[in-house]
Amino acid sequence: MRLKQLRVEVCRLHAELPKNDLVAWTSGNISARDPDSGLVAIKPSGLRFEELTPANMVVTDLAGKVVEGNLAPSSDTASHCYIYRHMPAVNGVVHTHSRYATAFAVIGEPIPCVTTAMADEFGGEIPCGGFGLIGGEDIGRLVVEALSGHRSPAVLLQNHGVFAIGASAEAAVKAAVMTEDNAAIVWTARQLGEMIPIAQADIESLYHRYQNVYGQR
């Protein structure tokens, strides 16, 4: 039953990617890990988002071996699994090629923390990792390397796009949405003039409030 629910959740969350203009055609993917079994539900490779159903989500083990499903899993599966194996607190991974964030990735530049919303969610800049080829674990290694010791739940990968992580798949999707929103704000602000930085002490205060006080507890 738990795996059935996981497939339903992962399918549902995929609808958020085109809805928030984070993907084009078949690009992008979401996975979720069941913390009890360690099994991972992930998007099948090459399917359009409107074709996705809970039944065609693919379930793999943490080595990327298919244990449920008749379709090939995402080409990013090995990297998702690498992240899960090396970041035990992560139970959701999202990959997008959203326009503004990917523009920063193309020039190899992190997204600076110049909005209160970014201080809230990311606690600082969104880092930019190196370049890796698709299909193996290289991208997963870059994500883990870039986010180790960093409180940002998202990273840009050079010439590629965004990887976001979370304690749940929904939290990772939120991080991906916020990454693109802040990338667009920063890009637009640069057209208007020089950006005003936020003092580090204020970033710390904003992050603490949002993570520990904001919302329903």
C-alpha atoms as a PDB file:
ATOM      1  CA  MET A   1       0.000   0.000   0.000  1.00  0.00           C
ATOM      2  CA  ARG A   2       2.824   2.404   0.825  1.00  0.00           C
ATOM      3  CA  LEU A   3       4.351   2.002  -2.665  1.00  0.00           C
ATOM      4  CA  LYS A   4       0.952   2.568  -4.272  1.00  0.00           C
ATOM      5  CA  GLN A   5       0.597   5.828  -2.352  1.00  0.00           C
ATOM      6  CA  LEU A   6       4.134   6.822  -3.337  1.00  0.00           C
ATOM      7  CA  ARG A   7       3.366   6.312  -7.024  1.00  0.00           C
ATOM      8  CA  VAL A   8       0.184   8.384  -6.672  1.00  0.00           C
ATOM      9  CA  GLU A   9       2.098  11.186  -4.955  1.00  0.00           C
ATOM     10  CA  VAL A  10       4.928  11.251  -7.499  1.00  0.00           C
ATOM     11  CA  CYS A  11       2.465  11.281 -10.404  1.00  0.00           C
ATOM     12  CA  ARG A  12       0.453  14.103  -8.795  1.00  0.00           C
ATOM     13  CA  LEU A  13       3.529  16.227  -8.149  1.00  0.00           C
ATOM     14  CA  HIS A  14       4.721  15.923 -11.765  1.00  0.00           C
ATOM     15  CA  ALA A  15       1.707  18.042 -12.765  1.00  0.00           C
ATOM     16  CA  GLU A  16       3.230  20.921 -10.790  1.00  0.00           C
ATOM     17  CA  LEU A  17       6.245  21.134 -13.105  1.00  0.00           C
ATOM     18  CA  PRO A  18       4.467  22.251 -16.319  1.00  0.00           C
ATOM     19  CA  LYS A  19       1.938  24.209 -14.251  1.00  0.00           C
ATOM     20  CA  ASN A  20       4.800  26.302 -12.843  1.00  0.00           C
ATOM     21  CA  ASP A  21       6.643  26.555 -16.204  1.00  0.00           C
ATOM     22  CA  LEU A  22       9.599  24.521 -14.960  1.00  0.00           C
ATOM     23  CA  VAL A  23       9.811  22.049 -17.863  1.00  0.00           C
ATOM     24  CA  ALA A  24       9.341  21.707 -21.618  1.00  0.00           C
ATOM     25  CA  TRP A  25       7.958  18.640 -23.448  1.00  0.00           C
ATOM     26  CA  THR A  26       9.332  15.543 -21.637  1.00  0.00           C
ATOM     27  CA  SER A  27      12.239  17.143 -19.759  1.00  0.00           C
ATOM     28  CA  GLY A  28      12.457  17.056 -15.983  1.00  0.00           C
ATOM     29  CA  ASN A  29      11.588  14.460 -13.384  1.00  0.00           C
ATOM     30  CA  ILE A  30      10.612  13.853  -9.780  1.00  0.00           C
ATOM     31  CA  SER A  31      11.363  10.927  -7.511  1.00  0.00           C
ATOM     32  CA  ALA A  32      10.343  10.036  -3.977  1.00  0.00           C
ATOM     33  CA  ARG A  33      11.921   7.529  -1.602  1.00  0.00           C
ATOM     34  CA  ASP A  34       9.945   5.399   0.821  1.00  0.00           C
ATOM     35  CA  PRO A  35      11.980   5.789   4.029  1.00  0.00           C
ATOM     36  CA  ASP A  36      10.842   2.399   5.330  1.00  0.00           C
ATOM     37  CA  SER A  37      11.733   0.181   2.371  1.00  0.00           C
ATOM     38  CA  GLY A  38      14.249   2.498   0.699  1.00  0.00           C
ATOM     39  CA  LEU A  39      12.478   1.984  -2.630  1.00  0.00           C
ATOM     40  CA  VAL A  40      12.189   4.896  -5.043  1.00  0.00           C
ATOM     41  CA  ALA A  41       9.292   5.905  -7.313  1.00  0.00           C
ATOM     42  CA  ILE A  42      10.353   7.930 -10.359  1.00  0.00           C
ATOM     43  CA  LYS A  43       9.047   9.186 -13.704  1.00  0.00           C
ATOM     44  CA  PRO A  44       9.467   6.850 -16.704  1.00  0.00           C
ATOM     45  CA  SER A  45      11.859   8.026 -19.404  1.00  0.00           C
ATOM     46  CA  GLY A  46      10.564  10.052 -22.340  1.00  0.00           C
ATOM     47  CA  LEU A  47       6.855  10.247 -21.464  1.00  0.00           C
ATOM     48  CA  ARG A  48       4.983  13.532 -21.804  1.00  0.00           C
ATOM     49  CA  PHE A  49       3.557  14.864 -18.559  1.00  0.00           C
ATOM     50  CA  GLU A  50      -0.043  14.417 -19.649  1.00  0.00           C
ATOM     51  CA  GLU A  51       0.672  10.716 -20.239  1.00  0.00           C
ATOM     52  CA  LEU A  52       1.781  10.077 -16.663  1.00  0.00           C
ATOM     53  CA  THR A  53      -0.353   7.920 -14.372  1.00  0.00           C
ATOM     54  CA  PRO A  54       0.333   6.340 -10.974  1.00  0.00           C
ATOM     55  CA  ALA A  55       0.464   2.964 -12.712  1.00  0.00           C
ATOM     56  CA  ASN A  56       3.295   3.937 -15.070  1.00  0.00           C
ATOM     57  CA  MET A  57       5.541   5.385 -12.392  1.00  0.00           C
ATOM     58  CA  VAL A  58       8.606   3.142 -12.065  1.00  0.00           C
ATOM     59  CA  VAL A  59       9.801   1.763  -8.720  1.00  0.00           C
ATOM     60  CA  THR A  60      13.496   0.995  -8.254  1.00  0.00           C
ATOM     61  CA  ASP A  61      15.806   0.020  -5.447  1.00  0.00           C
ATOM     62  CA  LEU A  62      18.573   2.352  -4.290  1.00  0.00           C
ATOM     63  CA  ALA A  63      20.916   0.904  -6.900  1.00  0.00           C
ATOM     64  CA  GLY A  64      18.481   1.968  -9.657  1.00  0.00           C
ATOM     65  CA  LYS A  65      17.304  -1.575 -10.434  1.00  0.00           C
ATOM     66  CA  VAL A  66      13.633  -1.723 -11.469  1.00  0.00           C
ATOM     67  CA  VAL A  67      11.497  -3.689  -9.014  1.00  0.00           C
ATOM     68  CA  GLU A  68       8.043  -2.567 -10.224  1.00  0.00           C
ATOM     69  CA  GLY A  69       6.904  -1.221 -13.593  1.00  0.00           C
ATOM     70  CA  ASN A  70       7.105  -2.129 -17.259  1.00  0.00           C
ATOM     71  CA  LEU A  71       8.749   1.070 -18.508  1.00  0.00           C
ATOM     72  CA  ALA A  72      12.338   2.271 -18.413  1.00  0.00           C
ATOM     73  CA  PRO A  73      12.931   4.732 -15.582  1.00  0.00           C
ATOM     74  CA  SER A  74      14.208   8.280 -16.071  1.00  0.00           C
ATOM     75  CA  SER A  75      17.722   8.652 -17.465  1.00  0.00           C
ATOM     76  CA  ASP A  76      18.524  10.517 -14.237  1.00  0.00           C
ATOM     77  CA  THR A  77      17.621   7.540 -12.025  1.00  0.00           C
ATOM     78  CA  ALA A  78      21.229   6.642 -11.158  1.00  0.00           C
ATOM     79  CA  SER A  79      21.871  10.193  -9.994  1.00  0.00           C
ATOM     80  CA  HIS A  80      18.664  10.324  -7.938  1.00  0.00           C
ATOM     81  CA  CYS A  81      19.668   7.070  -6.261  1.00  0.00           C
ATOM     82  CA  TYR A  82      23.195   8.365  -5.622  1.00  0.00           C
ATOM     83  CA  ILE A  83      21.720  11.384  -3.834  1.00  0.00           C
ATOM     84  CA  TYR A  84      19.475   9.188  -1.692  1.00  0.00           C
ATOM     85  CA  ARG A  85      22.342   6.886  -0.725  1.00  0.00           C
ATOM     86  CA  HIS A  86      24.567   9.789   0.313  1.00  0.00           C
ATOM     87  CA  MET A  87      21.962  12.133   1.837  1.00  0.00           C
ATOM     88  CA  PRO A  88      19.852   9.995   4.197  1.00  0.00           C
ATOM     89  CA  ALA A  89      17.558  12.877   5.225  1.00  0.00           C
ATOM     90  CA  VAL A  90      16.450  13.404   1.612  1.00  0.00           C
ATOM     91  CA  ASN A  91      13.264  11.638   0.487  1.00  0.00           C
ATOM     92  CA  GLY A  92      12.459  13.702  -2.597  1.00  0.00           C
ATOM     93  CA  VAL A  93      14.496  14.830  -5.631  1.00  0.00           C
ATOM     94  CA  VAL A  94      13.361  17.103  -8.472  1.00  0.00           C
ATOM     95  CA  HIS A  95      15.179  17.965 -11.697  1.00  0.00           C
ATOM     96  CA  THR A  96      14.111  20.775 -14.026  1.00  0.00           C
ATOM     97  CA  HIS A  97      15.466  22.877 -16.876  1.00  0.00           C
ATOM     98  CA  SER A  98      13.514  25.988 -15.864  1.00  0.00           C
ATOM     99  CA  ARG A  99      14.456  28.972 -18.023  1.00  0.00           C
ATOM    100  CA  TYR A 100      15.791  31.623 -15.686  1.00  0.00           C
ATOM    101  CA  ALA A 101      17.585  29.265 -13.315  1.00  0.00           C
ATOM    102  CA  THR A 102      19.147  27.398 -16.233  1.00  0.00           C
ATOM    103  CA  ALA A 103      20.356  30.723 -17.661  1.00  0.00           C
ATOM    104  CA  PHE A 104      22.412  31.146 -14.473  1.00  0.00           C
ATOM    105  CA  ALA A 105      23.650  27.561 -14.856  1.00  0.00           C
ATOM    106  CA  VAL A 106      24.761  28.265 -18.424  1.00  0.00           C
ATOM    107  CA  ILE A 107      27.098  31.017 -17.211  1.00  0.00           C
ATOM    108  CA  GLY A 108      28.152  28.950 -14.188  1.00  0.00           C
ATOM    109  CA  GLU A 109      26.930  31.531 -11.704  1.00  0.00           C
ATOM    110  CA  PRO A 110      25.100  30.991  -8.393  1.00  0.00           C
ATOM    111  CA  ILE A 111      21.864  32.874  -7.761  1.00  0.00           C
ATOM    112  CA  PRO A 112      22.618  35.532  -5.117  1.00  0.00           C
ATOM    113  CA  CYS A 113      20.409  35.933  -2.059  1.00  0.00           C
ATOM    114  CA  VAL A 114      18.812  39.335  -2.602  1.00  0.00           C
ATOM    115  CA  THR A 115      15.162  38.679  -1.667  1.00  0.00           C
ATOM    116  CA  THR A 116      13.627  37.951   1.720  1.00  0.00           C
ATOM    117  CA  ALA A 117      11.827  34.977   0.164  1.00  0.00           C
ATOM    118  CA  MET A 118      15.171  33.508  -0.866  1.00  0.00           C
ATOM    119  CA  ALA A 119      16.642  34.109   2.581  1.00  0.00           C
ATOM    120  CA  ASP A 120      13.601  32.332   4.041  1.00  0.00           C
ATOM    121  CA  GLU A 121      13.765  29.259   1.845  1.00  0.00           C
ATOM    122  CA  PHE A 122      17.458  28.901   0.986  1.00  0.00           C
ATOM    123  CA  GLY A 123      19.298  30.709   3.776  1.00  0.00           C
ATOM    124  CA  GLY A 124      21.717  32.187   1.265  1.00  0.00           C
ATOM    125  CA  GLU A 125      22.673  31.836  -2.384  1.00  0.00           C
ATOM    126  CA  ILE A 126      21.704  28.913  -4.601  1.00  0.00           C
ATOM    127  CA  PRO A 127      25.077  27.385  -5.511  1.00  0.00           C
ATOM    128  CA  CYS A 128      26.214  26.317  -8.956  1.00  0.00           C
ATOM    129  CA  GLY A 129      27.962  22.949  -9.259  1.00  0.00           C
ATOM    130  CA  GLY A 130      30.094  21.596 -12.069  1.00  0.00           C
ATOM    131  CA  PHE A 131      29.305  19.894 -15.357  1.00  0.00           C
ATOM    132  CA  GLY A 132      28.345  16.232 -15.573  1.00  0.00           C
ATOM    133  CA  LEU A 133      27.086  13.924 -18.297  1.00  0.00           C
ATOM    134  CA  ILE A 134      23.596  12.438 -18.124  1.00  0.00           C
ATOM    135  CA  GLY A 135      22.932   8.743 -17.623  1.00  0.00           C
ATOM    136  CA  GLY A 136      25.199   7.721 -14.762  1.00  0.00           C
ATOM    137  CA  GLU A 137      25.990   8.869 -11.234  1.00  0.00           C
ATOM    138  CA  ASP A 138      28.132  11.889 -12.207  1.00  0.00           C
ATOM    139  CA  ILE A 139      25.320  14.382 -11.742  1.00  0.00           C
ATOM    140  CA  GLY A 140      24.359  12.876  -8.393  1.00  0.00           C
ATOM    141  CA  ARG A 141      27.943  13.255  -7.201  1.00  0.00           C
ATOM    142  CA  LEU A 142      27.965  16.913  -8.240  1.00  0.00           C
ATOM    143  CA  VAL A 143      24.698  17.572  -6.391  1.00  0.00           C
ATOM    144  CA  VAL A 144      25.948  15.936  -3.190  1.00  0.00           C
ATOM    145  CA  GLU A 145      29.279  17.736  -3.430  1.00  0.00           C
ATOM    146  CA  ALA A 146      27.665  21.146  -3.979  1.00  0.00           C
ATOM    147  CA  LEU A 147      25.072  20.777  -1.208  1.00  0.00           C
ATOM    148  CA  SER A 148      27.257  19.132   1.440  1.00  0.00           C
ATOM    149  CA  GLY A 149      27.585  21.657   4.247  1.00  0.00           C
ATOM    150  CA  HIS A 150      25.189  24.002   2.424  1.00  0.00           C
ATOM    151  CA  ARG A 151      21.648  24.675   3.613  1.00  0.00           C
ATOM    152  CA  SER A 152      20.236  25.437   0.182  1.00  0.00           C
ATOM    153  CA  PRO A 153      17.748  22.748  -0.920  1.00  0.00           C
ATOM    154  CA  ALA A 154      18.636  23.379  -4.569  1.00  0.00           C
ATOM    155  CA  VAL A 155      21.695  23.532  -6.791  1.00  0.00           C
ATOM    156  CA  LEU A 156      22.336  24.626 -10.358  1.00  0.00           C
ATOM    157  CA  LEU A 157      24.400  22.311 -12.528  1.00  0.00           C
ATOM    158  CA  GLN A 158      26.607  23.988 -15.113  1.00  0.00           C
ATOM    159  CA  ASN A 159      25.110  24.029 -18.640  1.00  0.00           C
ATOM    160  CA  HIS A 160      22.263  21.824 -17.444  1.00  0.00           C
ATOM    161  CA  GLY A 161      19.583  22.912 -14.995  1.00  0.00           C
ATOM    162  CA  VAL A 162      18.290  22.576 -11.445  1.00  0.00           C
ATOM    163  CA  PHE A 163      18.307  19.767  -8.913  1.00  0.00           C
ATOM    164  CA  ALA A 164      16.245  20.305  -5.761  1.00  0.00           C
ATOM    165  CA  ILE A 165      15.985  18.081  -2.709  1.00  0.00           C
ATOM    166  CA  GLY A 166      13.706  17.813   0.294  1.00  0.00           C
ATOM    167  CA  ALA A 167      12.577  15.734   3.230  1.00  0.00           C
ATOM    168  CA  SER A 168       9.644  14.867   0.951  1.00  0.00           C
ATOM    169  CA  ALA A 169       9.015  15.052  -2.772  1.00  0.00           C
ATOM    170  CA  GLU A 170       6.599  17.926  -2.207  1.00  0.00           C
ATOM    171  CA  ALA A 171       9.263  19.888  -0.321  1.00  0.00           C
ATOM    172  CA  ALA A 172      11.681  19.316  -3.209  1.00  0.00           C
ATOM    173  CA  VAL A 173       9.082  20.556  -5.718  1.00  0.00           C
ATOM    174  CA  LYS A 174       8.570  23.687  -3.620  1.00  0.00           C
ATOM    175  CA  ALA A 175      12.330  24.306  -3.667  1.00  0.00           C
ATOM    176  CA  ALA A 176      12.378  23.931  -7.466  1.00  0.00           C
ATOM    177  CA  VAL A 177       9.486  26.391  -7.835  1.00  0.00           C
ATOM    178  CA  MET A 178      11.168  28.903  -5.519  1.00  0.00           C
ATOM    179  CA  THR A 179      14.474  28.515  -7.361  1.00  0.00           C
ATOM    180  CA  GLU A 180      12.920  29.566 -10.652  1.00  0.00           C
ATOM    181  CA  ASP A 181      10.904  32.372  -9.070  1.00  0.00           C
ATOM    182  CA  ASN A 182      13.988  33.901  -7.473  1.00  0.00           C
ATOM    183  CA  ALA A 183      16.112  33.390 -10.585  1.00  0.00           C
ATOM    184  CA  ALA A 184      13.535  35.370 -12.581  1.00  0.00           C
ATOM    185  CA  ILE A 185      13.479  38.147  -9.980  1.00  0.00           C
ATOM    186  CA  VAL A 186      17.275  38.409  -9.926  1.00  0.00           C
ATOM    187  CA  TRP A 187      17.498  38.443 -13.738  1.00  0.00           C
ATOM    188  CA  THR A 188      14.830  41.158 -13.965  1.00  0.00           C
ATOM    189  CA  ALA A 189      16.439  43.247 -11.225  1.00  0.00           C
ATOM    190  CA  ARG A 190      19.726  43.205 -13.106  1.00  0.00           C
ATOM    191  CA  GLN A 191      18.030  44.830 -16.069  1.00  0.00           C
ATOM    192  CA  LEU A 192      16.880  47.674 -13.824  1.00  0.00           C
ATOM    193  CA  GLY A 193      20.123  48.417 -12.038  1.00  0.00           C
ATOM    194  CA  GLU A 194      22.420  47.366  -9.225  1.00  0.00           C
ATOM    195  CA  MET A 195      20.941  44.919  -6.742  1.00  0.00           C
ATOM    196  CA  ILE A 196      20.897  45.778  -3.035  1.00  0.00           C
ATOM    197  CA  PRO A 197      22.435  42.980  -0.936  1.00  0.00           C
ATOM    198  CA  ILE A 198      20.868  41.689   2.283  1.00  0.00           C
ATOM    199  CA  ALA A 199      23.140  41.741   5.314  1.00  0.00           C
ATOM    200  CA  GLN A 200      24.216  38.260   6.447  1.00  0.00           C
ATOM    201  CA  ALA A 201      22.791  38.843   9.929  1.00  0.00           C
ATOM    202  CA  ASP A 202      19.405  39.630   8.384  1.00  0.00           C
ATOM    203  CA  ILE A 203      19.587  36.527   6.195  1.00  0.00           C
ATOM    204  CA  GLU A 204      20.215  34.462   9.337  1.00  0.00           C
ATOM    205  CA  SER A 205      17.251  36.062  11.108  1.00  0.00           C
ATOM    206  CA  LEU A 206      14.918  35.589   8.156  1.00  0.00           C
ATOM    207  CA  TYR A 207      15.959  31.958   7.688  1.00  0.00           C
ATOM    208  CA  HIS A 208      15.489  31.138  11.369  1.00  0.00           C
ATOM    209  CA  ARG A 209      12.025  32.728  11.488  1.00  0.00           C
ATOM    210  CA  TYR A 210      10.800  30.998   8.353  1.00  0.00           C
ATOM    211  CA  GLN A 211      12.176  27.586   9.259  1.00  0.00           C
ATOM    212  CA  ASN A 212      11.124  27.630  12.929  1.00  0.00           C
ATOM    213  CA  VAL A 213       8.248  30.083  13.419  1.00  0.00           C
ATOM    214  CA  TYR A 214       6.378  30.689  10.137  1.00  0.00           C
ATOM    215  CA  GLY A 215       3.220  28.745   9.328  1.00  0.00           C
ATOM    216  CA  GLN A 216       1.241  26.240  11.356  1.00  0.00           C
ATOM    217  CA  ARG A 217       3.142  24.173  13.887  1.00  0.00           C
END
